[in-house]
């Protein structure tokens, strides 16, 4: 997933935090949050823009507090298996497309 995020925009940066990793270019794109049985990904894209790829995507605005997250807004997806990692890469690619490609 890391390579997908870093390739989506010129100058994309990986910023490791104490309990998360944020990817920015210059605004945040994705934040990876380690969890006991996998990890949660927070996308800058709205959940409504990602639901066609993964119906399990949740709107982060519905949450008052997300443990260890350093960004706000966007959407959430939990990765708990290799199959979900494949979906997560597709969600990253869609988020990058929405943020960086002209409409």
N, C-alpha and C. Protein backbone atom coordinates (compact mmCIF):
# COMPACT_ATOMS: atom_id res chain seq x y z
N UNK A 1 0.82 -1.18 0.00
CA UNK A 1 0.00 0.00 0.00
C UNK A 1 0.87 1.26 0.00
N UNK A 2 1.98 1.20 0.69
CA UNK A 2 2.89 2.34 0.79
C UNK A 2 3.30 2.86 -0.59
N UNK A 3 3.69 1.96 -1.48
CA UNK A 3 4.14 2.36 -2.81
C UNK A 3 3.01 3.03 -3.59
N UNK A 4 1.79 2.54 -3.42
CA UNK A 4 0.64 3.11 -4.11
C UNK A 4 0.42 4.55 -3.68
N UNK A 5 0.51 4.82 -2.39
CA UNK A 5 0.30 6.17 -1.89
C UNK A 5 1.42 7.10 -2.36
N UNK A 6 2.66 6.66 -2.23
CA UNK A 6 3.79 7.53 -2.59
C UNK A 6 3.83 7.82 -4.09
N UNK A 7 3.29 6.91 -4.90
CA UNK A 7 3.29 7.11 -6.35
C UNK A 7 2.14 7.98 -6.83
N UNK A 8 1.18 8.27 -5.98
CA UNK A 8 -0.03 8.95 -6.46
C UNK A 8 0.15 10.44 -6.69
N UNK A 9 1.14 11.06 -6.10
CA UNK A 9 1.35 12.49 -6.29
C UNK A 9 2.83 12.83 -6.21
N UNK A 10 3.24 13.73 -7.04
CA UNK A 10 4.63 14.17 -7.00
C UNK A 10 4.89 14.84 -5.65
N UNK A 11 5.96 14.45 -5.02
CA UNK A 11 6.31 15.03 -3.73
C UNK A 11 5.57 14.45 -2.55
N UNK A 12 4.87 13.34 -2.73
CA UNK A 12 4.16 12.71 -1.61
C UNK A 12 5.17 12.29 -0.55
N UNK A 13 4.81 12.52 0.69
CA UNK A 13 5.69 12.21 1.81
C UNK A 13 5.06 11.23 2.77
N UNK A 14 5.89 10.38 3.34
CA UNK A 14 5.47 9.46 4.39
C UNK A 14 5.96 10.03 5.71
N UNK A 15 5.03 10.33 6.63
CA UNK A 15 5.37 10.94 7.90
C UNK A 15 5.00 10.00 9.06
N UNK A 16 5.98 9.22 9.54
CA UNK A 16 5.70 8.34 10.67
C UNK A 16 5.43 9.15 11.93
N UNK A 17 4.40 8.81 12.64
CA UNK A 17 4.05 9.42 13.92
C UNK A 17 4.25 8.35 14.99
N UNK A 18 4.03 8.69 16.22
CA UNK A 18 4.20 7.73 17.32
C UNK A 18 3.31 6.50 17.14
N UNK A 19 2.05 6.71 16.71
CA UNK A 19 1.12 5.59 16.61
C UNK A 19 0.34 5.58 15.30
N UNK A 20 0.89 6.20 14.27
CA UNK A 20 0.26 6.17 12.95
C UNK A 20 1.29 6.59 11.91
N UNK A 21 0.91 6.44 10.65
CA UNK A 21 1.73 6.93 9.54
C UNK A 21 0.81 7.75 8.65
N UNK A 22 1.19 9.01 8.41
CA UNK A 22 0.39 9.89 7.57
C UNK A 22 1.12 10.11 6.26
N UNK A 23 0.37 10.09 5.16
CA UNK A 23 0.92 10.38 3.83
C UNK A 23 0.32 11.70 3.38
N UNK A 24 1.19 12.63 2.94
CA UNK A 24 0.76 13.97 2.56
C UNK A 24 1.35 14.37 1.22
N UNK A 25 0.65 15.31 0.53
CA UNK A 25 1.17 15.83 -0.75
C UNK A 25 0.44 17.09 -1.19
N UNK A 26 0.49 18.23 -0.68
CA UNK A 26 0.92 18.64 0.66
C UNK A 26 -0.14 18.36 1.72
N UNK A 27 -1.43 18.28 1.34
CA UNK A 27 -2.46 17.92 2.31
C UNK A 27 -2.43 16.41 2.53
N UNK A 28 -3.04 15.97 3.60
CA UNK A 28 -3.02 14.54 3.89
C UNK A 28 -3.86 13.77 2.87
N UNK A 29 -3.39 12.57 2.55
CA UNK A 29 -4.06 11.68 1.60
C UNK A 29 -4.63 10.48 2.36
N UNK A 30 -3.76 9.84 3.14
CA UNK A 30 -4.09 8.60 3.84
C UNK A 30 -3.37 8.61 5.19
N UNK A 31 -4.02 8.02 6.18
CA UNK A 31 -3.37 7.77 7.46
C UNK A 31 -3.59 6.30 7.82
N UNK A 32 -2.51 5.60 8.13
CA UNK A 32 -2.58 4.19 8.54
C UNK A 32 -2.46 4.13 10.06
N UNK A 33 -3.42 3.44 10.68
CA UNK A 33 -3.50 3.33 12.13
C UNK A 33 -3.41 1.86 12.54
N UNK A 34 -2.28 1.43 13.12
CA UNK A 34 -2.15 0.03 13.53
C UNK A 34 -3.19 -0.32 14.60
N UNK A 35 -3.70 -1.53 14.50
CA UNK A 35 -4.67 -2.06 15.47
C UNK A 35 -4.22 -3.47 15.87
N UNK A 36 -4.83 -4.02 16.90
CA UNK A 36 -4.43 -5.33 17.42
C UNK A 36 -4.52 -6.44 16.37
N UNK A 37 -5.54 -6.40 15.51
CA UNK A 37 -5.73 -7.47 14.52
C UNK A 37 -5.75 -6.91 13.11
N UNK A 38 -4.79 -6.05 12.78
CA UNK A 38 -4.71 -5.46 11.45
C UNK A 38 -4.44 -3.98 11.56
N UNK A 39 -5.09 -3.20 10.72
CA UNK A 39 -4.96 -1.75 10.81
C UNK A 39 -6.16 -1.08 10.17
N UNK A 40 -6.36 0.17 10.55
CA UNK A 40 -7.43 0.98 9.99
C UNK A 40 -6.80 2.03 9.12
N UNK A 41 -7.40 2.30 7.99
CA UNK A 41 -6.91 3.33 7.08
C UNK A 41 -7.93 4.45 7.05
N UNK A 42 -7.43 5.67 7.19
CA UNK A 42 -8.28 6.85 7.08
C UNK A 42 -7.93 7.53 5.77
N UNK A 43 -8.93 7.70 4.92
CA UNK A 43 -8.75 8.30 3.59
C UNK A 43 -9.25 9.73 3.59
N UNK A 44 -8.61 10.60 2.85
CA UNK A 44 -9.06 11.98 2.72
C UNK A 44 -10.37 12.06 1.92
N UNK A 45 -10.65 11.07 1.11
CA UNK A 45 -11.86 11.04 0.29
C UNK A 45 -13.09 10.78 1.14
N UNK A 46 -14.22 11.30 0.70
CA UNK A 46 -15.50 11.03 1.37
C UNK A 46 -15.89 9.57 1.18
N UNK A 47 -16.57 9.03 2.17
CA UNK A 47 -17.01 7.64 2.09
C UNK A 47 -17.89 7.40 0.87
N UNK A 48 -18.73 8.36 0.53
CA UNK A 48 -19.64 8.19 -0.61
C UNK A 48 -18.89 7.98 -1.92
N UNK A 49 -17.66 8.50 -2.01
CA UNK A 49 -16.85 8.33 -3.22
C UNK A 49 -16.13 6.99 -3.27
N UNK A 50 -16.14 6.26 -2.16
CA UNK A 50 -15.41 4.99 -2.09
C UNK A 50 -16.31 3.77 -1.94
N UNK A 51 -17.58 3.98 -1.68
CA UNK A 51 -18.49 2.87 -1.42
C UNK A 51 -18.63 1.89 -2.57
N UNK A 52 -18.45 2.34 -3.80
CA UNK A 52 -18.57 1.42 -4.94
C UNK A 52 -17.44 0.39 -4.93
N UNK A 53 -16.31 0.71 -4.31
CA UNK A 53 -15.19 -0.22 -4.22
C UNK A 53 -15.35 -1.13 -3.00
N UNK A 54 -15.77 -0.53 -1.88
CA UNK A 54 -15.91 -1.29 -0.63
C UNK A 54 -17.09 -0.76 0.18
N UNK A 55 -18.18 -1.51 0.23
CA UNK A 55 -19.35 -1.06 0.98
C UNK A 55 -19.10 -0.91 2.48
N UNK A 56 -17.98 -1.48 2.99
CA UNK A 56 -17.65 -1.39 4.41
C UNK A 56 -17.01 -0.06 4.80
N UNK A 57 -16.71 0.80 3.84
CA UNK A 57 -16.11 2.11 4.14
C UNK A 57 -17.10 2.90 4.99
N UNK A 58 -16.58 3.53 6.05
CA UNK A 58 -17.41 4.31 6.96
C UNK A 58 -17.03 5.78 6.92
N UNK A 59 -17.98 6.63 7.15
CA UNK A 59 -17.76 8.07 7.19
C UNK A 59 -17.10 8.43 8.51
N UNK A 60 -15.90 9.01 8.47
CA UNK A 60 -15.18 9.34 9.70
C UNK A 60 -15.85 10.47 10.47
N UNK A 61 -16.68 11.26 9.81
CA UNK A 61 -17.39 12.35 10.49
C UNK A 61 -18.37 11.81 11.53
N UNK A 62 -18.76 10.55 11.40
CA UNK A 62 -19.67 9.94 12.35
C UNK A 62 -18.98 9.62 13.68
N UNK A 63 -17.66 9.72 13.71
CA UNK A 63 -16.89 9.40 14.91
C UNK A 63 -16.42 10.69 15.58
N UNK A 64 -16.61 10.81 16.86
CA UNK A 64 -16.15 11.98 17.60
C UNK A 64 -14.64 11.88 17.82
N UNK A 65 -14.15 10.67 18.08
CA UNK A 65 -12.74 10.46 18.38
C UNK A 65 -12.29 9.15 17.75
N UNK A 66 -11.16 9.18 17.06
CA UNK A 66 -10.58 7.97 16.48
C UNK A 66 -9.20 7.80 17.09
N UNK A 67 -9.01 6.75 17.85
CA UNK A 67 -7.79 6.51 18.59
C UNK A 67 -6.55 6.62 17.70
N UNK A 68 -5.60 7.44 18.15
CA UNK A 68 -4.29 7.66 17.52
C UNK A 68 -4.32 8.41 16.20
N UNK A 69 -5.46 8.85 15.73
CA UNK A 69 -5.52 9.58 14.47
C UNK A 69 -5.09 11.02 14.68
N UNK A 70 -4.35 11.55 13.70
CA UNK A 70 -3.85 12.93 13.79
C UNK A 70 -4.49 13.85 12.76
N UNK A 71 -5.40 13.33 11.95
CA UNK A 71 -6.06 14.13 10.91
C UNK A 71 -7.56 14.17 11.20
N UNK A 72 -8.30 14.93 10.42
CA UNK A 72 -9.74 14.97 10.63
C UNK A 72 -10.47 14.82 9.29
N UNK A 73 -11.71 14.35 9.40
CA UNK A 73 -12.53 14.17 8.20
C UNK A 73 -12.25 12.87 7.49
N UNK A 74 -12.78 12.75 6.29
CA UNK A 74 -12.53 11.60 5.45
C UNK A 74 -13.36 10.38 5.77
N UNK A 75 -12.78 9.22 5.50
CA UNK A 75 -13.48 7.96 5.66
C UNK A 75 -12.54 6.90 6.23
N UNK A 76 -13.11 5.79 6.69
CA UNK A 76 -12.35 4.74 7.37
C UNK A 76 -12.60 3.38 6.72
N UNK A 77 -11.55 2.57 6.72
CA UNK A 77 -11.65 1.19 6.24
C UNK A 77 -10.71 0.34 7.09
N UNK A 78 -11.19 -0.79 7.59
CA UNK A 78 -10.39 -1.66 8.43
C UNK A 78 -9.86 -2.84 7.62
N UNK A 79 -8.55 -3.07 7.73
CA UNK A 79 -7.88 -4.18 7.04
C UNK A 79 -7.55 -5.25 8.07
N UNK A 80 -8.14 -6.42 7.88
CA UNK A 80 -7.91 -7.52 8.83
C UNK A 80 -7.54 -8.83 8.13
N UNK A 81 -7.32 -8.76 6.81
CA UNK A 81 -6.95 -9.97 6.05
C UNK A 81 -6.22 -9.54 4.78
N UNK A 82 -5.48 -10.46 4.16
CA UNK A 82 -4.81 -10.13 2.90
C UNK A 82 -5.78 -9.68 1.80
N UNK A 83 -6.97 -10.25 1.77
CA UNK A 83 -7.96 -9.86 0.75
C UNK A 83 -8.38 -8.40 0.95
N UNK A 84 -8.50 -7.98 2.19
CA UNK A 84 -8.88 -6.60 2.46
C UNK A 84 -7.75 -5.63 2.12
N UNK A 85 -6.50 -6.11 2.16
CA UNK A 85 -5.38 -5.27 1.77
C UNK A 85 -5.45 -4.93 0.28
N UNK A 86 -5.88 -5.88 -0.53
CA UNK A 86 -6.06 -5.64 -1.97
C UNK A 86 -7.11 -4.56 -2.18
N UNK A 87 -8.20 -4.63 -1.43
CA UNK A 87 -9.25 -3.61 -1.51
C UNK A 87 -8.72 -2.27 -1.05
N UNK A 88 -7.91 -2.27 0.01
CA UNK A 88 -7.34 -1.03 0.53
C UNK A 88 -6.48 -0.33 -0.52
N UNK A 89 -5.72 -1.10 -1.29
CA UNK A 89 -4.91 -0.50 -2.36
C UNK A 89 -5.80 0.15 -3.41
N UNK A 90 -6.92 -0.48 -3.72
CA UNK A 90 -7.86 0.11 -4.68
C UNK A 90 -8.47 1.39 -4.11
N UNK A 91 -8.73 1.42 -2.82
CA UNK A 91 -9.26 2.62 -2.18
C UNK A 91 -8.23 3.75 -2.18
N UNK A 92 -6.97 3.40 -1.97
CA UNK A 92 -5.90 4.41 -2.04
C UNK A 92 -5.84 4.99 -3.45
N UNK A 93 -5.86 4.12 -4.44
CA UNK A 93 -5.79 4.58 -5.84
C UNK A 93 -6.97 5.50 -6.17
N UNK A 94 -8.16 5.15 -5.70
CA UNK A 94 -9.35 5.98 -5.96
C UNK A 94 -9.23 7.32 -5.24
N UNK A 95 -8.75 7.33 -4.02
CA UNK A 95 -8.54 8.57 -3.28
C UNK A 95 -7.56 9.47 -4.01
N UNK A 96 -6.47 8.90 -4.48
CA UNK A 96 -5.48 9.68 -5.23
C UNK A 96 -6.08 10.24 -6.51
N UNK A 97 -6.87 9.43 -7.19
CA UNK A 97 -7.52 9.86 -8.42
C UNK A 97 -8.43 11.05 -8.13
N UNK A 98 -9.20 10.97 -7.09
CA UNK A 98 -10.12 12.05 -6.73
C UNK A 98 -9.38 13.33 -6.34
N UNK A 99 -8.23 13.18 -5.70
CA UNK A 99 -7.51 14.34 -5.20
C UNK A 99 -6.61 15.01 -6.25
N UNK A 100 -6.04 14.22 -7.16
CA UNK A 100 -4.98 14.74 -8.01
C UNK A 100 -5.24 14.75 -9.51
N UNK A 101 -6.23 14.02 -9.96
CA UNK A 101 -6.50 14.03 -11.40
C UNK A 101 -7.56 15.06 -11.73
N UNK A 102 -7.36 15.81 -12.83
CA UNK A 102 -8.37 16.81 -13.21
C UNK A 102 -9.69 16.14 -13.56
N UNK A 103 -10.77 16.81 -13.25
CA UNK A 103 -12.09 16.26 -13.54
C UNK A 103 -12.53 16.59 -14.96
